[in-house]
Structures are given as C-alpha cells and as structure tokens.
Amino acid sequence: MESVFTAFRAAYAERNGYALSQTLSPIAPTTQPDRLVTFYQSTNSANVKRDVQRSIPVTFQFASEENKGWVEVYAAYWKAVGAILDAEAGGNSKV
C-alpha cells in the first residue's frame, strides 16, 4: 500500500492533479510493474478501509469529509485492482 500512498503524498503536496490521478491507474507504472499486486496483497476486504485510513497522510490536515472521501476512493480502488488482477489471471486467481 505504501507505494501508492508515497505517490499520493507527493502529488497532493505538489497539487498535481495528473500525478494524483495516476495513483488510481489500473495499469502499473513501468517503474513499478508489481505495484497493483503489492497494493492488493497489502490488506484484505475486512481491513481495507482501516489500512487506507492509516495510510492517508495526516500532515495534510484534511477536513473530516475529505478524509472519508479519500478512504472511500482508495478502498474502491483496492477492490477494483482485485477484479483487474483476477481478470488478468483468467478468473482463476487467488491473488
């Protein structure tokens, strides 16, 4: 999960919307070809929201609603990444 949130912190601090959107890409960057797999394997469905909450940087002083929004966005992204990885494995994956 850390690789995604390292990029998130940098993009958010720079106010770089394009870089921020790339943290939600369904395609792993060429510099980190295993990013989707490691992101998905970093948690499970029971703990994803808690783990995302812990990974959201507190240094940005998000308003409560914005913080909740980011948690929801990245929890949904985690779920989508699981579906993507399963589809890439032909639907037989236990990623």
N, C-alpha and C. Protein backbone atom coordinates (compact mmCIF):
# COMPACT_ATOMS: atom_id res chain seq x y z
N MET A 1 0.83 -1.18 0.00
CA MET A 1 0.00 0.00 0.00
C MET A 1 0.88 1.25 0.00
N GLU A 2 2.06 1.10 0.54
CA GLU A 2 2.93 2.26 0.71
C GLU A 2 3.33 2.90 -0.61
N SER A 3 3.56 2.12 -1.65
CA SER A 3 3.98 2.72 -2.92
C SER A 3 2.91 3.65 -3.48
N VAL A 4 1.66 3.28 -3.34
CA VAL A 4 0.56 4.13 -3.82
C VAL A 4 0.49 5.41 -3.00
N PHE A 5 0.62 5.30 -1.69
CA PHE A 5 0.47 6.48 -0.85
C PHE A 5 1.72 7.36 -0.82
N THR A 6 2.86 6.81 -1.15
CA THR A 6 4.04 7.65 -1.34
C THR A 6 3.80 8.57 -2.53
N ALA A 7 3.29 8.00 -3.61
CA ALA A 7 2.97 8.81 -4.80
C ALA A 7 1.83 9.78 -4.50
N PHE A 8 0.84 9.34 -3.74
CA PHE A 8 -0.28 10.20 -3.35
C PHE A 8 0.23 11.42 -2.59
N ARG A 9 1.08 11.20 -1.58
CA ARG A 9 1.60 12.31 -0.77
C ARG A 9 2.34 13.33 -1.63
N ALA A 10 3.18 12.82 -2.52
CA ALA A 10 3.95 13.73 -3.38
C ALA A 10 3.03 14.53 -4.30
N ALA A 11 2.09 13.86 -4.93
CA ALA A 11 1.18 14.53 -5.86
C ALA A 11 0.29 15.54 -5.13
N TYR A 12 -0.22 15.16 -3.97
CA TYR A 12 -1.09 16.07 -3.23
C TYR A 12 -0.32 17.29 -2.75
N ALA A 13 0.89 17.08 -2.26
CA ALA A 13 1.71 18.19 -1.78
C ALA A 13 2.03 19.17 -2.91
N GLU A 14 2.24 18.65 -4.11
CA GLU A 14 2.55 19.49 -5.27
C GLU A 14 1.30 20.06 -5.92
N ARG A 15 0.13 19.61 -5.45
CA ARG A 15 -1.15 20.00 -6.06
C ARG A 15 -1.16 19.63 -7.54
N ASN A 16 -0.65 18.44 -7.82
CA ASN A 16 -0.54 17.93 -9.18
C ASN A 16 -1.65 16.90 -9.42
N GLY A 17 -2.74 17.36 -10.00
CA GLY A 17 -3.90 16.51 -10.23
C GLY A 17 -3.62 15.33 -11.14
N TYR A 18 -2.80 15.55 -12.15
CA TYR A 18 -2.48 14.45 -13.06
C TYR A 18 -1.72 13.35 -12.31
N ALA A 19 -0.71 13.73 -11.55
CA ALA A 19 0.05 12.74 -10.79
C ALA A 19 -0.84 12.05 -9.75
N LEU A 20 -1.74 12.80 -9.16
CA LEU A 20 -2.67 12.22 -8.19
C LEU A 20 -3.56 11.18 -8.88
N SER A 21 -4.04 11.50 -10.07
CA SER A 21 -4.89 10.55 -10.79
C SER A 21 -4.13 9.28 -11.16
N GLN A 22 -2.84 9.40 -11.37
CA GLN A 22 -2.03 8.23 -11.72
C GLN A 22 -1.92 7.24 -10.57
N THR A 23 -2.16 7.70 -9.33
CA THR A 23 -2.14 6.77 -8.21
C THR A 23 -3.33 5.82 -8.24
N LEU A 24 -4.31 6.14 -9.07
CA LEU A 24 -5.51 5.31 -9.22
C LEU A 24 -5.54 4.60 -10.57
N SER A 25 -4.41 4.51 -11.22
CA SER A 25 -4.36 3.89 -12.54
C SER A 25 -4.57 2.39 -12.45
N PRO A 26 -5.31 1.83 -13.39
CA PRO A 26 -5.48 0.37 -13.44
C PRO A 26 -4.29 -0.33 -14.09
N ILE A 27 -3.30 0.45 -14.49
CA ILE A 27 -2.10 -0.09 -15.12
C ILE A 27 -0.91 0.31 -14.27
N ALA A 28 -0.10 -0.67 -13.90
CA ALA A 28 1.08 -0.39 -13.08
C ALA A 28 2.09 0.43 -13.88
N PRO A 29 2.75 1.37 -13.23
CA PRO A 29 3.78 2.14 -13.94
C PRO A 29 4.96 1.22 -14.32
N THR A 30 5.63 1.57 -15.40
CA THR A 30 6.74 0.73 -15.85
C THR A 30 7.86 0.67 -14.82
N THR A 31 7.96 1.70 -13.99
CA THR A 31 8.99 1.71 -12.95
C THR A 31 8.63 0.85 -11.75
N GLN A 32 7.35 0.46 -11.65
CA GLN A 32 6.88 -0.40 -10.56
C GLN A 32 5.90 -1.43 -11.12
N PRO A 33 6.38 -2.38 -11.88
CA PRO A 33 5.48 -3.32 -12.55
C PRO A 33 4.64 -4.19 -11.60
N ASP A 34 5.06 -4.32 -10.37
CA ASP A 34 4.31 -5.13 -9.41
C ASP A 34 3.44 -4.29 -8.47
N ARG A 35 3.27 -3.01 -8.77
CA ARG A 35 2.55 -2.11 -7.86
C ARG A 35 1.11 -2.55 -7.60
N LEU A 36 0.39 -2.98 -8.61
CA LEU A 36 -1.00 -3.39 -8.39
C LEU A 36 -1.06 -4.62 -7.49
N VAL A 37 -0.20 -5.57 -7.75
CA VAL A 37 -0.18 -6.81 -6.95
C VAL A 37 0.17 -6.50 -5.50
N THR A 38 1.22 -5.73 -5.28
CA THR A 38 1.63 -5.44 -3.90
C THR A 38 0.57 -4.59 -3.18
N PHE A 39 -0.06 -3.67 -3.91
CA PHE A 39 -1.13 -2.87 -3.31
C PHE A 39 -2.27 -3.78 -2.88
N TYR A 40 -2.70 -4.66 -3.76
CA TYR A 40 -3.82 -5.54 -3.44
C TYR A 40 -3.48 -6.50 -2.31
N GLN A 41 -2.29 -7.03 -2.33
CA GLN A 41 -1.90 -8.01 -1.31
C GLN A 41 -1.57 -7.38 0.04
N SER A 42 -1.53 -6.06 0.11
CA SER A 42 -1.16 -5.39 1.35
C SER A 42 -2.25 -5.39 2.41
N THR A 43 -3.47 -5.79 2.04
CA THR A 43 -4.58 -5.80 3.00
C THR A 43 -5.62 -6.82 2.54
N ASN A 44 -6.75 -6.82 3.20
CA ASN A 44 -7.85 -7.71 2.82
C ASN A 44 -9.17 -6.95 2.95
N SER A 45 -10.24 -7.58 2.53
CA SER A 45 -11.52 -6.87 2.50
C SER A 45 -12.01 -6.46 3.89
N ALA A 46 -11.63 -7.19 4.90
CA ALA A 46 -12.06 -6.84 6.26
C ALA A 46 -11.32 -5.62 6.79
N ASN A 47 -10.12 -5.37 6.30
CA ASN A 47 -9.29 -4.31 6.87
C ASN A 47 -8.95 -3.18 5.91
N VAL A 48 -9.45 -3.23 4.68
CA VAL A 48 -9.00 -2.26 3.68
C VAL A 48 -9.26 -0.82 4.08
N LYS A 49 -10.43 -0.51 4.58
CA LYS A 49 -10.73 0.88 4.95
C LYS A 49 -9.85 1.35 6.10
N ARG A 50 -9.65 0.50 7.07
CA ARG A 50 -8.78 0.84 8.20
C ARG A 50 -7.35 1.07 7.72
N ASP A 51 -6.86 0.19 6.85
CA ASP A 51 -5.49 0.32 6.37
C ASP A 51 -5.31 1.55 5.47
N VAL A 52 -6.31 1.85 4.65
CA VAL A 52 -6.24 3.06 3.84
C VAL A 52 -6.24 4.27 4.76
N GLN A 53 -7.10 4.28 5.76
CA GLN A 53 -7.15 5.39 6.71
C GLN A 53 -5.79 5.62 7.34
N ARG A 54 -5.12 4.56 7.70
CA ARG A 54 -3.79 4.68 8.32
C ARG A 54 -2.75 5.18 7.31
N SER A 55 -2.97 4.92 6.04
CA SER A 55 -2.01 5.32 5.02
C SER A 55 -2.23 6.74 4.52
N ILE A 56 -3.43 7.28 4.73
CA ILE A 56 -3.71 8.66 4.33
C ILE A 56 -2.83 9.56 5.19
N PRO A 57 -2.08 10.42 4.57
CA PRO A 57 -1.15 11.25 5.35
C PRO A 57 -1.86 12.26 6.24
N VAL A 58 -1.52 12.25 7.49
CA VAL A 58 -2.14 13.19 8.43
C VAL A 58 -1.55 14.60 8.29
N THR A 59 -0.43 14.71 7.64
CA THR A 59 0.23 16.01 7.52
C THR A 59 -0.55 17.01 6.68
N PHE A 60 -1.52 16.53 5.88
CA PHE A 60 -2.27 17.44 5.02
C PHE A 60 -3.46 18.08 5.72
N GLN A 61 -3.77 17.65 6.93
CA GLN A 61 -4.86 18.24 7.70
C GLN A 61 -6.16 18.28 6.89
N PHE A 62 -6.54 17.14 6.35
CA PHE A 62 -7.80 17.05 5.60
C PHE A 62 -8.98 17.35 6.51
N ALA A 63 -9.99 17.95 5.94
CA ALA A 63 -11.25 18.06 6.65
C ALA A 63 -11.81 16.64 6.79
N SER A 64 -12.62 16.43 7.79
CA SER A 64 -13.15 15.09 8.06
C SER A 64 -13.83 14.47 6.84
N GLU A 65 -14.64 15.25 6.15
CA GLU A 65 -15.35 14.72 4.98
C GLU A 65 -14.38 14.39 3.84
N GLU A 66 -13.36 15.20 3.65
CA GLU A 66 -12.39 14.90 2.59
C GLU A 66 -11.62 13.63 2.93
N ASN A 67 -11.26 13.48 4.19
CA ASN A 67 -10.56 12.27 4.61
C ASN A 67 -11.42 11.04 4.33
N LYS A 68 -12.69 11.10 4.71
CA LYS A 68 -13.60 9.98 4.45
C LYS A 68 -13.71 9.70 2.96
N GLY A 69 -13.73 10.75 2.16
CA GLY A 69 -13.81 10.59 0.72
C GLY A 69 -12.60 9.86 0.16
N TRP A 70 -11.41 10.26 0.59
CA TRP A 70 -10.20 9.58 0.12
C TRP A 70 -10.19 8.11 0.54
N VAL A 71 -10.64 7.83 1.75
CA VAL A 71 -10.71 6.44 2.21
C VAL A 71 -11.64 5.64 1.30
N GLU A 72 -12.79 6.19 0.99
CA GLU A 72 -13.75 5.50 0.12
C GLU A 72 -13.17 5.29 -1.28
N VAL A 73 -12.51 6.31 -1.81
CA VAL A 73 -11.93 6.21 -3.15
C VAL A 73 -10.88 5.11 -3.21
N TYR A 74 -9.96 5.10 -2.26
CA TYR A 74 -8.88 4.11 -2.32
C TYR A 74 -9.34 2.72 -1.91
N ALA A 75 -10.37 2.61 -1.08
CA ALA A 75 -10.95 1.30 -0.79
C ALA A 75 -11.62 0.74 -2.04
N ALA A 76 -12.31 1.58 -2.78
CA ALA A 76 -12.92 1.14 -4.05
C ALA A 76 -11.84 0.78 -5.07
N TYR A 77 -10.77 1.55 -5.09
CA TYR A 77 -9.65 1.24 -5.99
C TYR A 77 -9.05 -0.11 -5.63
N TRP A 78 -8.87 -0.39 -4.35
CA TRP A 78 -8.34 -1.69 -3.92
C TRP A 78 -9.23 -2.83 -4.45
N LYS A 79 -10.53 -2.66 -4.32
CA LYS A 79 -11.47 -3.67 -4.79
C LYS A 79 -11.37 -3.83 -6.31
N ALA A 80 -11.27 -2.72 -7.03
CA ALA A 80 -11.14 -2.76 -8.50
C ALA A 80 -9.84 -3.43 -8.91
N VAL A 81 -8.76 -3.16 -8.20
CA VAL A 81 -7.48 -3.79 -8.51
C VAL A 81 -7.60 -5.30 -8.36
N GLY A 82 -8.29 -5.75 -7.34
CA GLY A 82 -8.51 -7.19 -7.17
C GLY A 82 -9.24 -7.80 -8.36
N ALA A 83 -10.26 -7.10 -8.84
CA ALA A 83 -11.00 -7.59 -10.01
C ALA A 83 -10.13 -7.59 -11.26
N ILE A 84 -9.29 -6.57 -11.41
CA ILE A 84 -8.38 -6.49 -12.55
C ILE A 84 -7.39 -7.65 -12.52
N LEU A 85 -6.80 -7.87 -11.36
CA LEU A 85 -5.82 -8.96 -11.24
C LEU A 85 -6.47 -10.32 -11.48
N ASP A 86 -7.68 -10.49 -11.01
CA ASP A 86 -8.40 -11.73 -11.24
C ASP A 86 -8.69 -11.93 -12.72
N ALA A 87 -9.10 -10.87 -13.39
CA ALA A 87 -9.38 -10.97 -14.83
C ALA A 87 -8.11 -11.27 -15.62
N GLU A 88 -7.00 -10.64 -15.23
CA GLU A 88 -5.72 -10.90 -15.91
C GLU A 88 -5.28 -12.35 -15.73
N ALA A 89 -5.67 -12.95 -14.62
CA ALA A 89 -5.31 -14.34 -14.36
C ALA A 89 -6.35 -15.30 -14.92
N GLY A 90 -7.26 -14.80 -15.71
CA GLY A 90 -8.27 -15.64 -16.33
C GLY A 90 -9.41 -16.02 -15.40
N GLY A 91 -9.59 -15.25 -14.36
CA GLY A 91 -10.69 -15.51 -13.43
C GLY A 91 -10.41 -16.61 -12.45
N ASN A 92 -9.20 -17.12 -12.42
CA ASN A 92 -8.86 -18.23 -11.52
C ASN A 92 -7.86 -17.83 -10.46
N SER A 93 -7.75 -16.54 -10.23
CA SER A 93 -6.72 -16.05 -9.34
C SER A 93 -7.18 -16.05 -7.88
N LYS A 94 -6.25 -16.30 -7.02
CA LYS A 94 -6.47 -16.13 -5.58
C LYS A 94 -5.49 -15.09 -5.07
N VAL A 95 -5.27 -14.04 -5.91
CA VAL A 95 -4.26 -13.01 -5.62
C VAL A 95 -4.35 -12.51 -4.25
